[in-house]
Amino acid sequence: MHARHQASEIAYEAKITRYIDLATIEEIKAMDYREGFEKARNELRLERSSIFAKRWIRGITSALRIINNLLTSIALRYLHSAKIIRDEISDLEVEQEEHDLEGNPTPDAPGESCATSMGKRCPKRVSLV
């Protein structure tokens, strides 16, 4: 009887151990599922955040592209004419220097007479240097 009781205790302990092992396995599986779920959720959140970031960057990039195009068109429109004017001024300065070197000063050089818009002569400018 004692042997039978001992055998039933061993069987009972084995059964309890099996139930505990099954419960532990179920708990571990639940933890694995939960961890897997949280990991998948976090990855989806990161992916969603990156999608929003890419949209934001795309929006900023398109706005910057528009601003760049506007500034380029303004620069081409106005700076091109400024460059032409600057080139004309430098050409006139070179021409004036050539006239000065040849001894033929231009009419509005110091010490020469000039005509006013009324057709009258203005007094000669004299250099004080």
C-alpha atoms as a PDB file:
ATOM      1  CA  MET A   1       0.000   0.000   0.000  1.00  0.00           C
ATOM      2  CA  HIS A   2       2.778   2.291   0.846  1.00  0.00           C
ATOM      3  CA  ALA A   3       4.336   1.519  -2.531  1.00  0.00           C
ATOM      4  CA  ARG A   4       1.041   2.153  -4.235  1.00  0.00           C
ATOM      5  CA  HIS A   5       0.636   5.431  -2.364  1.00  0.00           C
ATOM      6  CA  GLN A   6       4.181   6.401  -3.200  1.00  0.00           C
ATOM      7  CA  ALA A   7       3.585   5.532  -6.855  1.00  0.00           C
ATOM      8  CA  SER A   8       0.406   7.599  -6.909  1.00  0.00           C
ATOM      9  CA  GLU A   9       2.272  10.512  -5.298  1.00  0.00           C
ATOM     10  CA  ILE A  10       4.962  10.261  -7.941  1.00  0.00           C
ATOM     11  CA  ALA A  11       2.304  10.127 -10.652  1.00  0.00           C
ATOM     12  CA  TYR A  12       0.513  13.069  -9.028  1.00  0.00           C
ATOM     13  CA  GLU A  13       3.756  15.060  -8.827  1.00  0.00           C
ATOM     14  CA  ALA A  14       4.513  14.218 -12.440  1.00  0.00           C
ATOM     15  CA  LYS A  15       1.001  15.331 -13.409  1.00  0.00           C
ATOM     16  CA  ILE A  16       1.354  18.568 -11.431  1.00  0.00           C
ATOM     17  CA  THR A  17       4.802  19.142 -12.905  1.00  0.00           C
ATOM     18  CA  ARG A  18       3.332  18.599 -16.358  1.00  0.00           C
ATOM     19  CA  TYR A  19       0.513  21.061 -15.627  1.00  0.00           C
ATOM     20  CA  ILE A  20       3.020  23.548 -14.247  1.00  0.00           C
ATOM     21  CA  ASP A  21       5.209  23.018 -17.286  1.00  0.00           C
ATOM     22  CA  LEU A  22       2.192  23.487 -19.578  1.00  0.00           C
ATOM     23  CA  ALA A  23       1.163  26.619 -17.673  1.00  0.00           C
ATOM     24  CA  THR A  24       4.724  27.896 -17.837  1.00  0.00           C
ATOM     25  CA  ILE A  25       4.867  27.138 -21.542  1.00  0.00           C
ATOM     26  CA  GLU A  26       1.530  28.915 -22.092  1.00  0.00           C
ATOM     27  CA  GLU A  27       2.785  31.878 -20.086  1.00  0.00           C
ATOM     28  CA  ILE A  28       6.024  31.939 -22.037  1.00  0.00           C
ATOM     29  CA  LYS A  29       4.066  31.740 -25.288  1.00  0.00           C
ATOM     30  CA  ALA A  30       1.832  34.578 -24.120  1.00  0.00           C
ATOM     31  CA  MET A  31       4.911  36.632 -23.255  1.00  0.00           C
ATOM     32  CA  ASP A  32       6.440  35.800 -26.628  1.00  0.00           C
ATOM     33  CA  TYR A  33       3.216  36.790 -28.378  1.00  0.00           C
ATOM     34  CA  ARG A  34       3.045  40.001 -26.361  1.00  0.00           C
ATOM     35  CA  GLU A  35       6.692  40.812 -27.096  1.00  0.00           C
ATOM     36  CA  GLY A  36       6.168  39.980 -30.750  1.00  0.00           C
ATOM     37  CA  PHE A  37       3.060  42.148 -30.821  1.00  0.00           C
ATOM     38  CA  GLU A  38       4.845  45.057 -29.131  1.00  0.00           C
ATOM     39  CA  LYS A  39       7.817  44.691 -31.454  1.00  0.00           C
ATOM     40  CA  ALA A  40       5.554  44.654 -34.521  1.00  0.00           C
ATOM     41  CA  ARG A  41       3.600  47.639 -33.161  1.00  0.00           C
ATOM     42  CA  ASN A  42       6.810  49.589 -32.533  1.00  0.00           C
ATOM     43  CA  GLU A  43       8.111  48.761 -36.012  1.00  0.00           C
ATOM     44  CA  LEU A  44       4.839  49.931 -37.545  1.00  0.00           C
ATOM     45  CA  ARG A  45       4.995  53.127 -35.508  1.00  0.00           C
ATOM     46  CA  LEU A  46       8.557  53.740 -36.681  1.00  0.00           C
ATOM     47  CA  GLU A  47       7.565  53.034 -40.265  1.00  0.00           C
ATOM     48  CA  ARG A  48       4.577  55.362 -39.937  1.00  0.00           C
ATOM     49  CA  SER A  49       6.798  58.051 -38.414  1.00  0.00           C
ATOM     50  CA  SER A  50       9.290  57.664 -41.247  1.00  0.00           C
ATOM     51  CA  ILE A  51       6.462  57.950 -43.791  1.00  0.00           C
ATOM     52  CA  PHE A  52       5.285  61.187 -42.152  1.00  0.00           C
ATOM     53  CA  ALA A  53       8.882  62.422 -42.003  1.00  0.00           C
ATOM     54  CA  LYS A  54       9.360  61.640 -45.690  1.00  0.00           C
ATOM     55  CA  ARG A  55       6.131  63.473 -46.549  1.00  0.00           C
ATOM     56  CA  TRP A  56       7.265  66.443 -44.471  1.00  0.00           C
ATOM     57  CA  ILE A  57      10.694  66.426 -46.130  1.00  0.00           C
ATOM     58  CA  ARG A  58       9.057  66.104 -49.546  1.00  0.00           C
ATOM     59  CA  GLY A  59       6.816  69.086 -48.721  1.00  0.00           C
ATOM     60  CA  ILE A  60       9.739  71.170 -47.496  1.00  0.00           C
ATOM     61  CA  THR A  61      11.811  70.149 -50.503  1.00  0.00           C
ATOM     62  CA  SER A  62       9.098  71.177 -52.940  1.00  0.00           C
ATOM     63  CA  ALA A  63       8.657  74.508 -51.134  1.00  0.00           C
ATOM     64  CA  LEU A  64      12.417  75.098 -51.226  1.00  0.00           C
ATOM     65  CA  ARG A  65      12.477  74.151 -54.901  1.00  0.00           C
ATOM     66  CA  ILE A  66       9.753  76.747 -55.618  1.00  0.00           C
ATOM     67  CA  ILE A  67      11.655  79.410 -53.655  1.00  0.00           C
ATOM     68  CA  ASN A  68      14.874  78.500 -55.472  1.00  0.00           C
ATOM     69  CA  ASN A  69      13.139  78.790 -58.849  1.00  0.00           C
ATOM     70  CA  LEU A  70      11.682  82.183 -57.896  1.00  0.00           C
ATOM     71  CA  LEU A  71      15.029  83.504 -56.682  1.00  0.00           C
ATOM     72  CA  THR A  72      16.765  82.176 -59.778  1.00  0.00           C
ATOM     73  CA  SER A  73      14.216  83.817 -62.068  1.00  0.00           C
ATOM     74  CA  ILE A  74      14.538  87.092 -60.144  1.00  0.00           C
ATOM     75  CA  ALA A  75      18.307  86.876 -60.335  1.00  0.00           C
ATOM     76  CA  LEU A  76      18.230  86.135 -64.042  1.00  0.00           C
ATOM     77  CA  ARG A  77      15.765  88.918 -64.723  1.00  0.00           C
ATOM     78  CA  TYR A  78      17.325  91.697 -62.653  1.00  0.00           C
ATOM     79  CA  LEU A  79      20.935  90.723 -62.126  1.00  0.00           C
ATOM     80  CA  HIS A  80      21.384  90.084 -65.825  1.00  0.00           C
ATOM     81  CA  SER A  81      20.378  93.673 -66.586  1.00  0.00           C
ATOM     82  CA  ALA A  82      22.585  94.858 -63.704  1.00  0.00           C
ATOM     83  CA  LYS A  83      25.484  92.948 -65.253  1.00  0.00           C
ATOM     84  CA  ILE A  84      24.803  94.600 -68.608  1.00  0.00           C
ATOM     85  CA  ILE A  85      24.755  98.030 -66.953  1.00  0.00           C
ATOM     86  CA  ARG A  86      27.958  97.246 -65.033  1.00  0.00           C
ATOM     87  CA  ASP A  87      29.632  96.126 -68.277  1.00  0.00           C
ATOM     88  CA  GLU A  88      28.509  99.320 -70.030  1.00  0.00           C
ATOM     89  CA  ILE A  89      29.852 101.431 -67.169  1.00  0.00           C
ATOM     90  CA  SER A  90      33.204  99.663 -67.276  1.00  0.00           C
ATOM     91  CA  ASP A  91      33.286 100.092 -71.095  1.00  0.00           C
ATOM     92  CA  LEU A  92      32.599 103.810 -70.671  1.00  0.00           C
ATOM     93  CA  GLU A  93      35.330 104.074 -68.033  1.00  0.00           C
ATOM     94  CA  VAL A  94      37.800 102.344 -70.358  1.00  0.00           C
ATOM     95  CA  GLU A  95      36.742 104.647 -73.193  1.00  0.00           C
ATOM     96  CA  GLN A  96      37.210 107.694 -70.954  1.00  0.00           C
ATOM     97  CA  GLU A  97      40.677 106.503 -69.937  1.00  0.00           C
ATOM     98  CA  GLU A  98      41.583 106.013 -73.611  1.00  0.00           C
ATOM     99  CA  HIS A  99      40.400 109.538 -74.423  1.00  0.00           C
ATOM    100  CA  ASP A 100      42.360 110.915 -71.475  1.00  0.00           C
ATOM    101  CA  LEU A 101      45.515 109.106 -72.618  1.00  0.00           C
ATOM    102  CA  GLU A 102      45.099 110.425 -76.185  1.00  0.00           C
ATOM    103  CA  GLY A 103      44.785 113.977 -74.923  1.00  0.00           C
ATOM    104  CA  ASN A 104      41.166 114.297 -75.993  1.00  0.00           C
ATOM    105  CA  PRO A 105      39.291 114.733 -72.741  1.00  0.00           C
ATOM    106  CA  THR A 106      35.587 114.065 -72.771  1.00  0.00           C
ATOM    107  CA  PRO A 107      33.285 117.089 -72.598  1.00  0.00           C
ATOM    108  CA  ASP A 108      32.396 116.600 -68.952  1.00  0.00           C
ATOM    109  CA  ALA A 109      35.959 116.128 -67.773  1.00  0.00           C
ATOM    110  CA  PRO A 110      37.203 118.727 -65.253  1.00  0.00           C
ATOM    111  CA  GLY A 111      38.339 121.968 -66.816  1.00  0.00           C
ATOM    112  CA  GLU A 112      36.187 121.615 -69.953  1.00  0.00           C
ATOM    113  CA  SER A 113      32.933 123.297 -70.853  1.00  0.00           C
ATOM    114  CA  CYS A 114      29.668 121.417 -71.053  1.00  0.00           C
ATOM    115  CA  ALA A 115      26.324 122.104 -72.617  1.00  0.00           C
ATOM    116  CA  THR A 116      23.267 122.261 -70.412  1.00  0.00           C
ATOM    117  CA  SER A 117      19.895 120.945 -71.405  1.00  0.00           C
ATOM    118  CA  MET A 118      18.837 124.490 -72.351  1.00  0.00           C
ATOM    119  CA  GLY A 119      21.611 124.776 -74.920  1.00  0.00           C
ATOM    120  CA  LYS A 120      23.601 127.315 -72.903  1.00  0.00           C
ATOM    121  CA  ARG A 121      27.169 126.846 -71.929  1.00  0.00           C
ATOM    122  CA  CYS A 122      28.006 126.196 -68.312  1.00  0.00           C
ATOM    123  CA  PRO A 123      31.191 127.566 -66.740  1.00  0.00           C
ATOM    124  CA  LYS A 124      34.371 125.601 -67.017  1.00  0.00           C
ATOM    125  CA  ARG A 125      35.192 123.416 -64.058  1.00  0.00           C
ATOM    126  CA  VAL A 126      38.663 123.947 -62.728  1.00  0.00           C
ATOM    127  CA  SER A 127      40.489 121.378 -60.724  1.00  0.00           C
ATOM    128  CA  LEU A 128      41.826 122.693 -57.417  1.00  0.00           C
ATOM    129  CA  VAL A 129      44.377 119.951 -57.054  1.00  0.00           C
END
